[in-house]
mmCIF file of all heavy atoms, coordinates in Angstrom:
data_MODEL
# 
_entry.id   MODEL 
# 
loop_
_atom_site.group_PDB 
_atom_site.id 
_atom_site.type_symbol 
_atom_site.label_atom_id 
_atom_site.label_alt_id 
_atom_site.label_comp_id 
_atom_site.label_asym_id 
_atom_site.label_entity_id 
_atom_site.label_seq_id 
_atom_site.pdbx_PDB_ins_code 
_atom_site.Cartn_x 
_atom_site.Cartn_y 
_atom_site.Cartn_z 
_atom_site.occupancy 
_atom_site.B_iso_or_equiv 
_atom_site.pdbx_formal_charge 
_atom_site.auth_seq_id 
_atom_site.auth_comp_id 
_atom_site.auth_asym_id 
_atom_site.auth_atom_id 
_atom_site.pdbx_PDB_model_num 
ATOM 1   N N   . PHE A 1 1  ? 13.999 -21.080 -92.562 1.00 0.00 ? 1  PHE A N   1 
ATOM 2   C CA  . PHE A 1 1  ? 14.817 -21.727 -93.552 1.00 0.00 ? 1  PHE A CA  1 
ATOM 3   C C   . PHE A 1 1  ? 16.210 -22.131 -93.035 1.00 0.00 ? 1  PHE A C   1 
ATOM 4   O O   . PHE A 1 1  ? 16.767 -23.093 -93.239 1.00 0.00 ? 1  PHE A O   1 
ATOM 5   C CB  . PHE A 1 1  ? 15.136 -20.774 -94.773 1.00 0.00 ? 1  PHE A CB  1 
ATOM 6   C CG  . PHE A 1 1  ? 15.770 -21.468 -95.912 1.00 0.00 ? 1  PHE A CG  1 
ATOM 7   C CD1 . PHE A 1 1  ? 15.277 -22.493 -96.703 1.00 0.00 ? 1  PHE A CD1 1 
ATOM 8   C CD2 . PHE A 1 1  ? 17.089 -20.901 -96.192 1.00 0.00 ? 1  PHE A CD2 1 
ATOM 9   C CE1 . PHE A 1 1  ? 16.072 -23.090 -97.720 1.00 0.00 ? 1  PHE A CE1 1 
ATOM 10  C CE2 . PHE A 1 1  ? 17.916 -21.484 -97.184 1.00 0.00 ? 1  PHE A CE2 1 
ATOM 11  C CZ  . PHE A 1 1  ? 17.394 -22.606 -97.990 1.00 0.00 ? 1  PHE A CZ  1 
ATOM 12  N N   . LEU A 1 2  ? 16.810 -21.122 -92.171 1.00 0.00 ? 2  LEU A N   1 
ATOM 13  C CA  . LEU A 1 2  ? 18.134 -21.384 -91.603 1.00 0.00 ? 2  LEU A CA  1 
ATOM 14  C C   . LEU A 1 2  ? 18.068 -22.119 -90.334 1.00 0.00 ? 2  LEU A C   1 
ATOM 15  O O   . LEU A 1 2  ? 19.154 -22.336 -89.715 1.00 0.00 ? 2  LEU A O   1 
ATOM 16  C CB  . LEU A 1 2  ? 18.770 -19.976 -91.410 1.00 0.00 ? 2  LEU A CB  1 
ATOM 17  C CG  . LEU A 1 2  ? 19.293 -19.180 -92.671 1.00 0.00 ? 2  LEU A CG  1 
ATOM 18  C CD1 . LEU A 1 2  ? 19.761 -17.918 -92.351 1.00 0.00 ? 2  LEU A CD1 1 
ATOM 19  C CD2 . LEU A 1 2  ? 20.084 -20.082 -93.588 1.00 0.00 ? 2  LEU A CD2 1 
ATOM 20  N N   . ALA A 1 3  ? 16.829 -22.407 -89.962 1.00 0.00 ? 3  ALA A N   1 
ATOM 21  C CA  . ALA A 1 3  ? 16.658 -23.232 -88.650 1.00 0.00 ? 3  ALA A CA  1 
ATOM 22  C C   . ALA A 1 3  ? 17.133 -22.485 -87.547 1.00 0.00 ? 3  ALA A C   1 
ATOM 23  O O   . ALA A 1 3  ? 17.726 -22.984 -86.443 1.00 0.00 ? 3  ALA A O   1 
ATOM 24  C CB  . ALA A 1 3  ? 17.265 -24.567 -88.716 1.00 0.00 ? 3  ALA A CB  1 
ATOM 25  N N   . ARG A 1 4  ? 16.947 -21.132 -87.524 1.00 0.00 ? 4  ARG A N   1 
ATOM 26  C CA  . ARG A 1 4  ? 17.324 -20.391 -86.337 1.00 0.00 ? 4  ARG A CA  1 
ATOM 27  C C   . ARG A 1 4  ? 16.187 -20.315 -85.388 1.00 0.00 ? 4  ARG A C   1 
ATOM 28  O O   . ARG A 1 4  ? 15.098 -20.574 -85.630 1.00 0.00 ? 4  ARG A O   1 
ATOM 29  C CB  . ARG A 1 4  ? 17.543 -18.873 -86.798 1.00 0.00 ? 4  ARG A CB  1 
ATOM 30  C CG  . ARG A 1 4  ? 18.620 -18.739 -87.865 1.00 0.00 ? 4  ARG A CG  1 
ATOM 31  C CD  . ARG A 1 4  ? 20.062 -18.912 -87.459 1.00 0.00 ? 4  ARG A CD  1 
ATOM 32  N NE  . ARG A 1 4  ? 20.344 -17.939 -86.362 1.00 0.00 ? 4  ARG A NE  1 
ATOM 33  C CZ  . ARG A 1 4  ? 21.297 -17.053 -86.501 1.00 0.00 ? 4  ARG A CZ  1 
ATOM 34  N NH1 . ARG A 1 4  ? 21.992 -16.904 -87.554 1.00 0.00 ? 4  ARG A NH1 1 
ATOM 35  N NH2 . ARG A 1 4  ? 21.615 -16.334 -85.379 1.00 0.00 ? 4  ARG A NH2 1 
ATOM 36  N N   . LYS A 1 5  ? 16.530 -20.093 -84.133 1.00 0.00 ? 5  LYS A N   1 
ATOM 37  C CA  . LYS A 1 5  ? 15.527 -20.189 -83.058 1.00 0.00 ? 5  LYS A CA  1 
ATOM 38  C C   . LYS A 1 5  ? 15.438 -18.790 -82.354 1.00 0.00 ? 5  LYS A C   1 
ATOM 39  O O   . LYS A 1 5  ? 15.037 -18.729 -81.188 1.00 0.00 ? 5  LYS A O   1 
ATOM 40  C CB  . LYS A 1 5  ? 15.967 -21.112 -82.030 1.00 0.00 ? 5  LYS A CB  1 
ATOM 41  C CG  . LYS A 1 5  ? 16.137 -22.614 -82.442 1.00 0.00 ? 5  LYS A CG  1 
ATOM 42  C CD  . LYS A 1 5  ? 14.910 -23.126 -83.014 1.00 0.00 ? 5  LYS A CD  1 
ATOM 43  C CE  . LYS A 1 5  ? 14.992 -24.673 -83.502 1.00 0.00 ? 5  LYS A CE  1 
ATOM 44  N NZ  . LYS A 1 5  ? 13.956 -25.090 -84.263 1.00 0.00 ? 5  LYS A NZ  1 
ATOM 45  N N   . GLU A 1 6  ? 15.543 -17.792 -83.225 1.00 0.00 ? 6  GLU A N   1 
ATOM 46  C CA  . GLU A 1 6  ? 15.355 -16.420 -82.854 1.00 0.00 ? 6  GLU A CA  1 
ATOM 47  C C   . GLU A 1 6  ? 13.968 -15.954 -82.759 1.00 0.00 ? 6  GLU A C   1 
ATOM 48  O O   . GLU A 1 6  ? 13.515 -15.097 -83.584 1.00 0.00 ? 6  GLU A O   1 
ATOM 49  C CB  . GLU A 1 6  ? 16.248 -15.527 -83.564 1.00 0.00 ? 6  GLU A CB  1 
ATOM 50  C CG  . GLU A 1 6  ? 17.758 -15.817 -83.345 1.00 0.00 ? 6  GLU A CG  1 
ATOM 51  C CD  . GLU A 1 6  ? 18.611 -15.063 -84.205 1.00 0.00 ? 6  GLU A CD  1 
ATOM 52  O OE1 . GLU A 1 6  ? 18.258 -13.911 -84.766 1.00 0.00 ? 6  GLU A OE1 1 
ATOM 53  O OE2 . GLU A 1 6  ? 19.819 -15.427 -84.558 1.00 0.00 ? 6  GLU A OE2 1 
ATOM 54  N N   . LYS A 1 7  ? 13.143 -16.444 -81.827 1.00 0.00 ? 7  LYS A N   1 
ATOM 55  C CA  . LYS A 1 7  ? 11.688 -16.172 -81.861 1.00 0.00 ? 7  LYS A CA  1 
ATOM 56  C C   . LYS A 1 7  ? 11.384 -14.683 -81.484 1.00 0.00 ? 7  LYS A C   1 
ATOM 57  O O   . LYS A 1 7  ? 10.458 -14.163 -81.896 1.00 0.00 ? 7  LYS A O   1 
ATOM 58  C CB  . LYS A 1 7  ? 10.906 -17.091 -80.877 1.00 0.00 ? 7  LYS A CB  1 
ATOM 59  C CG  . LYS A 1 7  ? 10.893 -18.450 -81.400 1.00 0.00 ? 7  LYS A CG  1 
ATOM 60  C CD  . LYS A 1 7  ? 10.099 -19.379 -80.546 1.00 0.00 ? 7  LYS A CD  1 
ATOM 61  C CE  . LYS A 1 7  ? 10.163 -20.857 -81.015 1.00 0.00 ? 7  LYS A CE  1 
ATOM 62  N NZ  . LYS A 1 7  ? 9.305  -21.712 -80.401 1.00 0.00 ? 7  LYS A NZ  1 
ATOM 63  N N   . TRP A 1 8  ? 12.324 -14.089 -80.703 1.00 0.00 ? 8  TRP A N   1 
ATOM 64  C CA  . TRP A 1 8  ? 12.168 -12.721 -80.374 1.00 0.00 ? 8  TRP A CA  1 
ATOM 65  C C   . TRP A 1 8  ? 12.197 -11.888 -81.550 1.00 0.00 ? 8  TRP A C   1 
ATOM 66  O O   . TRP A 1 8  ? 11.515 -10.819 -81.656 1.00 0.00 ? 8  TRP A O   1 
ATOM 67  C CB  . TRP A 1 8  ? 13.198 -12.346 -79.378 1.00 0.00 ? 8  TRP A CB  1 
ATOM 68  C CG  . TRP A 1 8  ? 14.685 -12.302 -79.911 1.00 0.00 ? 8  TRP A CG  1 
ATOM 69  C CD1 . TRP A 1 8  ? 15.508 -13.483 -79.935 1.00 0.00 ? 8  TRP A CD1 1 
ATOM 70  C CD2 . TRP A 1 8  ? 15.336 -11.334 -80.629 1.00 0.00 ? 8  TRP A CD2 1 
ATOM 71  N NE1 . TRP A 1 8  ? 16.571 -13.113 -80.692 1.00 0.00 ? 8  TRP A NE1 1 
ATOM 72  C CE2 . TRP A 1 8  ? 16.572 -11.788 -81.051 1.00 0.00 ? 8  TRP A CE2 1 
ATOM 73  C CE3 . TRP A 1 8  ? 14.957 -10.013 -81.063 1.00 0.00 ? 8  TRP A CE3 1 
ATOM 74  C CZ2 . TRP A 1 8  ? 17.439 -11.078 -81.832 1.00 0.00 ? 8  TRP A CZ2 1 
ATOM 75  C CZ3 . TRP A 1 8  ? 15.898 -9.307  -81.830 1.00 0.00 ? 8  TRP A CZ3 1 
ATOM 76  C CH2 . TRP A 1 8  ? 17.136 -9.822  -82.180 1.00 0.00 ? 8  TRP A CH2 1 
ATOM 77  N N   . LEU A 1 9  ? 13.051 -12.260 -82.669 1.00 0.00 ? 9  LEU A N   1 
ATOM 78  C CA  . LEU A 1 9  ? 13.219 -11.423 -83.797 1.00 0.00 ? 9  LEU A CA  1 
ATOM 79  C C   . LEU A 1 9  ? 11.865 -11.473 -84.603 1.00 0.00 ? 9  LEU A C   1 
ATOM 80  O O   . LEU A 1 9  ? 11.314 -10.616 -85.044 1.00 0.00 ? 9  LEU A O   1 
ATOM 81  C CB  . LEU A 1 9  ? 14.364 -11.841 -84.631 1.00 0.00 ? 9  LEU A CB  1 
ATOM 82  C CG  . LEU A 1 9  ? 14.648 -11.099 -85.892 1.00 0.00 ? 9  LEU A CG  1 
ATOM 83  C CD1 . LEU A 1 9  ? 14.807 -9.711  -85.831 1.00 0.00 ? 9  LEU A CD1 1 
ATOM 84  C CD2 . LEU A 1 9  ? 15.664 -11.792 -86.718 1.00 0.00 ? 9  LEU A CD2 1 
ATOM 85  N N   . VAL A 1 10 ? 11.456 -12.720 -84.775 1.00 0.00 ? 10 VAL A N   1 
ATOM 86  C CA  . VAL A 1 10 ? 10.233 -12.879 -85.658 1.00 0.00 ? 10 VAL A CA  1 
ATOM 87  C C   . VAL A 1 10 ? 9.059  -12.126 -84.940 1.00 0.00 ? 10 VAL A C   1 
ATOM 88  O O   . VAL A 1 10 ? 8.317  -11.644 -85.537 1.00 0.00 ? 10 VAL A O   1 
ATOM 89  C CB  . VAL A 1 10 ? 9.929  -14.523 -85.796 1.00 0.00 ? 10 VAL A CB  1 
ATOM 90  C CG1 . VAL A 1 10 ? 8.621  -14.715 -86.436 1.00 0.00 ? 10 VAL A CG1 1 
ATOM 91  C CG2 . VAL A 1 10 ? 11.163 -15.029 -86.518 1.00 0.00 ? 10 VAL A CG2 1 
ATOM 92  N N   . LEU A 1 11 ? 8.915  -12.389 -83.618 1.00 0.00 ? 11 LEU A N   1 
ATOM 93  C CA  . LEU A 1 11 ? 7.819  -11.716 -82.939 1.00 0.00 ? 11 LEU A CA  1 
ATOM 94  C C   . LEU A 1 11 ? 7.840  -10.294 -82.988 1.00 0.00 ? 11 LEU A C   1 
ATOM 95  O O   . LEU A 1 11 ? 6.865  -9.573  -83.263 1.00 0.00 ? 11 LEU A O   1 
ATOM 96  C CB  . LEU A 1 11 ? 7.895  -12.156 -81.409 1.00 0.00 ? 11 LEU A CB  1 
ATOM 97  C CG  . LEU A 1 11 ? 6.774  -11.544 -80.550 1.00 0.00 ? 11 LEU A CG  1 
ATOM 98  C CD1 . LEU A 1 11 ? 5.386  -11.910 -81.031 1.00 0.00 ? 11 LEU A CD1 1 
ATOM 99  C CD2 . LEU A 1 11 ? 6.840  -11.997 -79.059 1.00 0.00 ? 11 LEU A CD2 1 
ATOM 100 N N   . SER A 1 12 ? 9.049  -9.684  -82.932 1.00 0.00 ? 12 SER A N   1 
ATOM 101 C CA  . SER A 1 12 ? 9.291  -8.249  -83.018 1.00 0.00 ? 12 SER A CA  1 
ATOM 102 C C   . SER A 1 12 ? 8.900  -7.695  -84.334 1.00 0.00 ? 12 SER A C   1 
ATOM 103 O O   . SER A 1 12 ? 8.268  -6.694  -84.478 1.00 0.00 ? 12 SER A O   1 
ATOM 104 C CB  . SER A 1 12 ? 10.830 -7.836  -82.674 1.00 0.00 ? 12 SER A CB  1 
ATOM 105 O OG  . SER A 1 12 ? 11.230 -8.199  -81.500 1.00 0.00 ? 12 SER A OG  1 
ATOM 106 N N   . VAL A 1 13 ? 9.246  -8.392  -85.456 1.00 0.00 ? 13 VAL A N   1 
ATOM 107 C CA  . VAL A 1 13 ? 8.921  -7.876  -86.748 1.00 0.00 ? 13 VAL A CA  1 
ATOM 108 C C   . VAL A 1 13 ? 7.248  -8.025  -86.978 1.00 0.00 ? 13 VAL A C   1 
ATOM 109 O O   . VAL A 1 13 ? 6.747  -7.272  -87.691 1.00 0.00 ? 13 VAL A O   1 
ATOM 110 C CB  . VAL A 1 13 ? 9.681  -8.435  -87.857 1.00 0.00 ? 13 VAL A CB  1 
ATOM 111 C CG1 . VAL A 1 13 ? 11.223 -8.118  -87.731 1.00 0.00 ? 13 VAL A CG1 1 
ATOM 112 C CG2 . VAL A 1 13 ? 9.395  -10.035 -88.079 1.00 0.00 ? 13 VAL A CG2 1 
ATOM 113 N N   . TYR A 1 14 ? 6.771  -9.062  -86.492 1.00 0.00 ? 14 TYR A N   1 
ATOM 114 C CA  . TYR A 1 14 ? 5.233  -9.146  -86.597 1.00 0.00 ? 14 TYR A CA  1 
ATOM 115 C C   . TYR A 1 14 ? 4.515  -8.019  -85.738 1.00 0.00 ? 14 TYR A C   1 
ATOM 116 O O   . TYR A 1 14 ? 3.575  -7.564  -86.296 1.00 0.00 ? 14 TYR A O   1 
ATOM 117 C CB  . TYR A 1 14 ? 4.750  -10.593 -86.171 1.00 0.00 ? 14 TYR A CB  1 
ATOM 118 C CG  . TYR A 1 14 ? 4.878  -11.598 -87.191 1.00 0.00 ? 14 TYR A CG  1 
ATOM 119 C CD1 . TYR A 1 14 ? 5.825  -12.413 -87.271 1.00 0.00 ? 14 TYR A CD1 1 
ATOM 120 C CD2 . TYR A 1 14 ? 3.751  -11.715 -88.065 1.00 0.00 ? 14 TYR A CD2 1 
ATOM 121 C CE1 . TYR A 1 14 ? 5.930  -13.455 -88.265 1.00 0.00 ? 14 TYR A CE1 1 
ATOM 122 C CE2 . TYR A 1 14 ? 3.863  -12.603 -89.176 1.00 0.00 ? 14 TYR A CE2 1 
ATOM 123 C CZ  . TYR A 1 14 ? 4.833  -13.474 -89.260 1.00 0.00 ? 14 TYR A CZ  1 
ATOM 124 O OH  . TYR A 1 14 ? 4.927  -14.355 -90.205 1.00 0.00 ? 14 TYR A OH  1 
ATOM 125 N N   . VAL A 1 15 ? 5.117  -7.702  -84.654 1.00 0.00 ? 15 VAL A N   1 
ATOM 126 C CA  . VAL A 1 15 ? 4.526  -6.591  -83.851 1.00 0.00 ? 15 VAL A CA  1 
ATOM 127 C C   . VAL A 1 15 ? 4.640  -5.344  -84.623 1.00 0.00 ? 15 VAL A C   1 
ATOM 128 O O   . VAL A 1 15 ? 3.636  -4.537  -84.805 1.00 0.00 ? 15 VAL A O   1 
ATOM 129 C CB  . VAL A 1 15 ? 5.111  -6.486  -82.467 1.00 0.00 ? 15 VAL A CB  1 
ATOM 130 C CG1 . VAL A 1 15 ? 4.686  -5.225  -81.718 1.00 0.00 ? 15 VAL A CG1 1 
ATOM 131 C CG2 . VAL A 1 15 ? 4.783  -7.637  -81.510 1.00 0.00 ? 15 VAL A CG2 1 
ATOM 132 N N   . LEU A 1 16 ? 5.850  -4.996  -85.058 1.00 0.00 ? 16 LEU A N   1 
ATOM 133 C CA  . LEU A 1 16 ? 6.023  -3.801  -85.988 1.00 0.00 ? 16 LEU A CA  1 
ATOM 134 C C   . LEU A 1 16 ? 5.192  -3.862  -87.188 1.00 0.00 ? 16 LEU A C   1 
ATOM 135 O O   . LEU A 1 16 ? 4.541  -2.777  -87.641 1.00 0.00 ? 16 LEU A O   1 
ATOM 136 C CB  . LEU A 1 16 ? 7.420  -3.770  -86.439 1.00 0.00 ? 16 LEU A CB  1 
ATOM 137 C CG  . LEU A 1 16 ? 8.460  -3.127  -85.454 1.00 0.00 ? 16 LEU A CG  1 
ATOM 138 C CD1 . LEU A 1 16 ? 9.884  -3.232  -85.913 1.00 0.00 ? 16 LEU A CD1 1 
ATOM 139 C CD2 . LEU A 1 16 ? 8.094  -1.682  -85.233 1.00 0.00 ? 16 LEU A CD2 1 
ATOM 140 N N   . GLY A 1 17 ? 5.018  -5.025  -87.922 1.00 0.00 ? 17 GLY A N   1 
ATOM 141 C CA  . GLY A 1 17 ? 4.203  -5.199  -89.034 1.00 0.00 ? 17 GLY A CA  1 
ATOM 142 C C   . GLY A 1 17 ? 2.723  -4.886  -88.746 1.00 0.00 ? 17 GLY A C   1 
ATOM 143 O O   . GLY A 1 17 ? 2.019  -4.089  -89.524 1.00 0.00 ? 17 GLY A O   1 
ATOM 144 N N   . ALA A 1 18 ? 2.216  -5.259  -87.615 1.00 0.00 ? 18 ALA A N   1 
ATOM 145 C CA  . ALA A 1 18 ? 0.857  -5.096  -87.166 1.00 0.00 ? 18 ALA A CA  1 
ATOM 146 C C   . ALA A 1 18 ? 0.618  -3.592  -86.913 1.00 0.00 ? 18 ALA A C   1 
ATOM 147 O O   . ALA A 1 18 ? -0.351 -3.035  -87.298 1.00 0.00 ? 18 ALA A O   1 
ATOM 148 C CB  . ALA A 1 18 ? 0.479  -5.968  -85.946 1.00 0.00 ? 18 ALA A CB  1 
ATOM 149 N N   . PHE A 1 19 ? 1.597  -2.938  -86.255 1.00 0.00 ? 19 PHE A N   1 
ATOM 150 C CA  . PHE A 1 19 ? 1.408  -1.535  -85.988 1.00 0.00 ? 19 PHE A CA  1 
ATOM 151 C C   . PHE A 1 19 ? 1.388  -0.674  -87.308 1.00 0.00 ? 19 PHE A C   1 
ATOM 152 O O   . PHE A 1 19 ? 0.495  0.129   -87.559 1.00 0.00 ? 19 PHE A O   1 
ATOM 153 C CB  . PHE A 1 19 ? 2.749  -1.025  -85.304 1.00 0.00 ? 19 PHE A CB  1 
ATOM 154 C CG  . PHE A 1 19 ? 2.844  0.496   -85.222 1.00 0.00 ? 19 PHE A CG  1 
ATOM 155 C CD1 . PHE A 1 19 ? 2.039  1.232   -84.446 1.00 0.00 ? 19 PHE A CD1 1 
ATOM 156 C CD2 . PHE A 1 19 ? 3.805  1.214   -86.053 1.00 0.00 ? 19 PHE A CD2 1 
ATOM 157 C CE1 . PHE A 1 19 ? 2.090  2.542   -84.268 1.00 0.00 ? 19 PHE A CE1 1 
ATOM 158 C CE2 . PHE A 1 19 ? 3.875  2.518   -85.830 1.00 0.00 ? 19 PHE A CE2 1 
ATOM 159 C CZ  . PHE A 1 19 ? 3.009  3.205   -85.025 1.00 0.00 ? 19 PHE A CZ  1 
ATOM 160 N N   . PHE A 1 20 ? 2.217  -1.018  -88.317 1.00 0.00 ? 20 PHE A N   1 
ATOM 161 C CA  . PHE A 1 20 ? 2.247  -0.392  -89.553 1.00 0.00 ? 20 PHE A CA  1 
ATOM 162 C C   . PHE A 1 20 ? 0.984  -0.690  -90.472 1.00 0.00 ? 20 PHE A C   1 
ATOM 163 O O   . PHE A 1 20 ? 0.545  0.155   -91.188 1.00 0.00 ? 20 PHE A O   1 
ATOM 164 C CB  . PHE A 1 20 ? 3.557  -0.571  -90.415 1.00 0.00 ? 20 PHE A CB  1 
ATOM 165 C CG  . PHE A 1 20 ? 4.682  0.250   -89.815 1.00 0.00 ? 20 PHE A CG  1 
ATOM 166 C CD1 . PHE A 1 20 ? 5.653  -0.485  -89.277 1.00 0.00 ? 20 PHE A CD1 1 
ATOM 167 C CD2 . PHE A 1 20 ? 4.604  1.499   -89.941 1.00 0.00 ? 20 PHE A CD2 1 
ATOM 168 C CE1 . PHE A 1 20 ? 6.783  0.299   -88.765 1.00 0.00 ? 20 PHE A CE1 1 
ATOM 169 C CE2 . PHE A 1 20 ? 5.696  2.390   -89.527 1.00 0.00 ? 20 PHE A CE2 1 
ATOM 170 C CZ  . PHE A 1 20 ? 6.736  1.718   -88.938 1.00 0.00 ? 20 PHE A CZ  1 
ATOM 171 N N   . LEU A 1 21 ? 0.487  -1.964  -90.364 1.00 0.00 ? 21 LEU A N   1 
ATOM 172 C CA  . LEU A 1 21 ? -0.714 -2.232  -90.919 1.00 0.00 ? 21 LEU A CA  1 
ATOM 173 C C   . LEU A 1 21 ? -1.965 -1.369  -90.414 1.00 0.00 ? 21 LEU A C   1 
ATOM 174 O O   . LEU A 1 21 ? -2.804 -0.915  -91.318 1.00 0.00 ? 21 LEU A O   1 
ATOM 175 C CB  . LEU A 1 21 ? -1.044 -3.729  -90.858 1.00 0.00 ? 21 LEU A CB  1 
ATOM 176 C CG  . LEU A 1 21 ? -0.336 -4.701  -91.661 1.00 0.00 ? 21 LEU A CG  1 
ATOM 177 C CD1 . LEU A 1 21 ? -0.607 -6.167  -91.305 1.00 0.00 ? 21 LEU A CD1 1 
ATOM 178 C CD2 . LEU A 1 21 ? -0.703 -4.483  -93.310 1.00 0.00 ? 21 LEU A CD2 1 
ATOM 179 N N   . ILE A 1 22 ? -1.933 -1.207  -89.089 1.00 0.00 ? 22 ILE A N   1 
ATOM 180 C CA  . ILE A 1 22 ? -3.082 -0.437  -88.567 1.00 0.00 ? 22 ILE A CA  1 
ATOM 181 C C   . ILE A 1 22 ? -2.864 0.992   -89.031 1.00 0.00 ? 22 ILE A C   1 
ATOM 182 O O   . ILE A 1 22 ? -3.750 1.644   -89.448 1.00 0.00 ? 22 ILE A O   1 
ATOM 183 C CB  . ILE A 1 22 ? -2.965 -0.590  -87.005 1.00 0.00 ? 22 ILE A CB  1 
ATOM 184 C CG1 . ILE A 1 22 ? -3.380 -1.947  -86.599 1.00 0.00 ? 22 ILE A CG1 1 
ATOM 185 C CG2 . ILE A 1 22 ? -3.962 0.502   -86.269 1.00 0.00 ? 22 ILE A CG2 1 
ATOM 186 C CD1 . ILE A 1 22 ? -3.196 -2.332  -85.139 1.00 0.00 ? 22 ILE A CD1 1 
ATOM 187 N N   . ALA A 1 23 ? -1.649 1.570   -88.825 1.00 0.00 ? 23 ALA A N   1 
ATOM 188 C CA  . ALA A 1 23 ? -1.287 2.970   -89.326 1.00 0.00 ? 23 ALA A CA  1 
ATOM 189 C C   . ALA A 1 23 ? -1.765 3.180   -90.801 1.00 0.00 ? 23 ALA A C   1 
ATOM 190 O O   . ALA A 1 23 ? -1.945 4.252   -91.296 1.00 0.00 ? 23 ALA A O   1 
ATOM 191 C CB  . ALA A 1 23 ? 0.087  3.241   -89.013 1.00 0.00 ? 23 ALA A CB  1 
ATOM 192 N N   . ASN A 1 24 ? -1.621 2.199   -91.718 1.00 0.00 ? 24 ASN A N   1 
ATOM 193 C CA  . ASN A 1 24 ? -1.737 2.237   -93.033 1.00 0.00 ? 24 ASN A CA  1 
ATOM 194 C C   . ASN A 1 24 ? -3.205 2.693   -93.373 1.00 0.00 ? 24 ASN A C   1 
ATOM 195 O O   . ASN A 1 24 ? -3.328 3.344   -94.375 1.00 0.00 ? 24 ASN A O   1 
ATOM 196 C CB  . ASN A 1 24 ? -1.462 0.783   -93.748 1.00 0.00 ? 24 ASN A CB  1 
ATOM 197 C CG  . ASN A 1 24 ? -1.617 0.906   -95.208 1.00 0.00 ? 24 ASN A CG  1 
ATOM 198 O OD1 . ASN A 1 24 ? -1.158 1.841   -95.882 1.00 0.00 ? 24 ASN A OD1 1 
ATOM 199 N ND2 . ASN A 1 24 ? -2.076 -0.177  -95.689 1.00 0.00 ? 24 ASN A ND2 1 
ATOM 200 N N   . PHE A 1 25 ? -4.119 2.321   -92.549 1.00 0.00 ? 25 PHE A N   1 
ATOM 201 C CA  . PHE A 1 25 ? -5.471 2.650   -92.733 1.00 0.00 ? 25 PHE A CA  1 
ATOM 202 C C   . PHE A 1 25 ? -6.036 3.806   -92.056 1.00 0.00 ? 25 PHE A C   1 
ATOM 203 O O   . PHE A 1 25 ? -7.197 4.066   -92.094 1.00 0.00 ? 25 PHE A O   1 
ATOM 204 C CB  . PHE A 1 25 ? -6.490 1.392   -92.602 1.00 0.00 ? 25 PHE A CB  1 
ATOM 205 C CG  . PHE A 1 25 ? -6.235 0.447   -93.837 1.00 0.00 ? 25 PHE A CG  1 
ATOM 206 C CD1 . PHE A 1 25 ? -5.352 -0.621  -93.693 1.00 0.00 ? 25 PHE A CD1 1 
ATOM 207 C CD2 . PHE A 1 25 ? -6.821 0.702   -94.919 1.00 0.00 ? 25 PHE A CD2 1 
ATOM 208 C CE1 . PHE A 1 25 ? -5.120 -1.575  -94.768 1.00 0.00 ? 25 PHE A CE1 1 
ATOM 209 C CE2 . PHE A 1 25 ? -6.635 -0.216  -96.058 1.00 0.00 ? 25 PHE A CE2 1 
ATOM 210 C CZ  . PHE A 1 25 ? -5.698 -1.248  -95.988 1.00 0.00 ? 25 PHE A CZ  1 
# 
């Protein structure tokens, strides 16, 4: 939305999210 180009941040939160999704089950 803010047209930021911080792909490292987005990638990092997706990796963390994937880790917690796996841990969830």
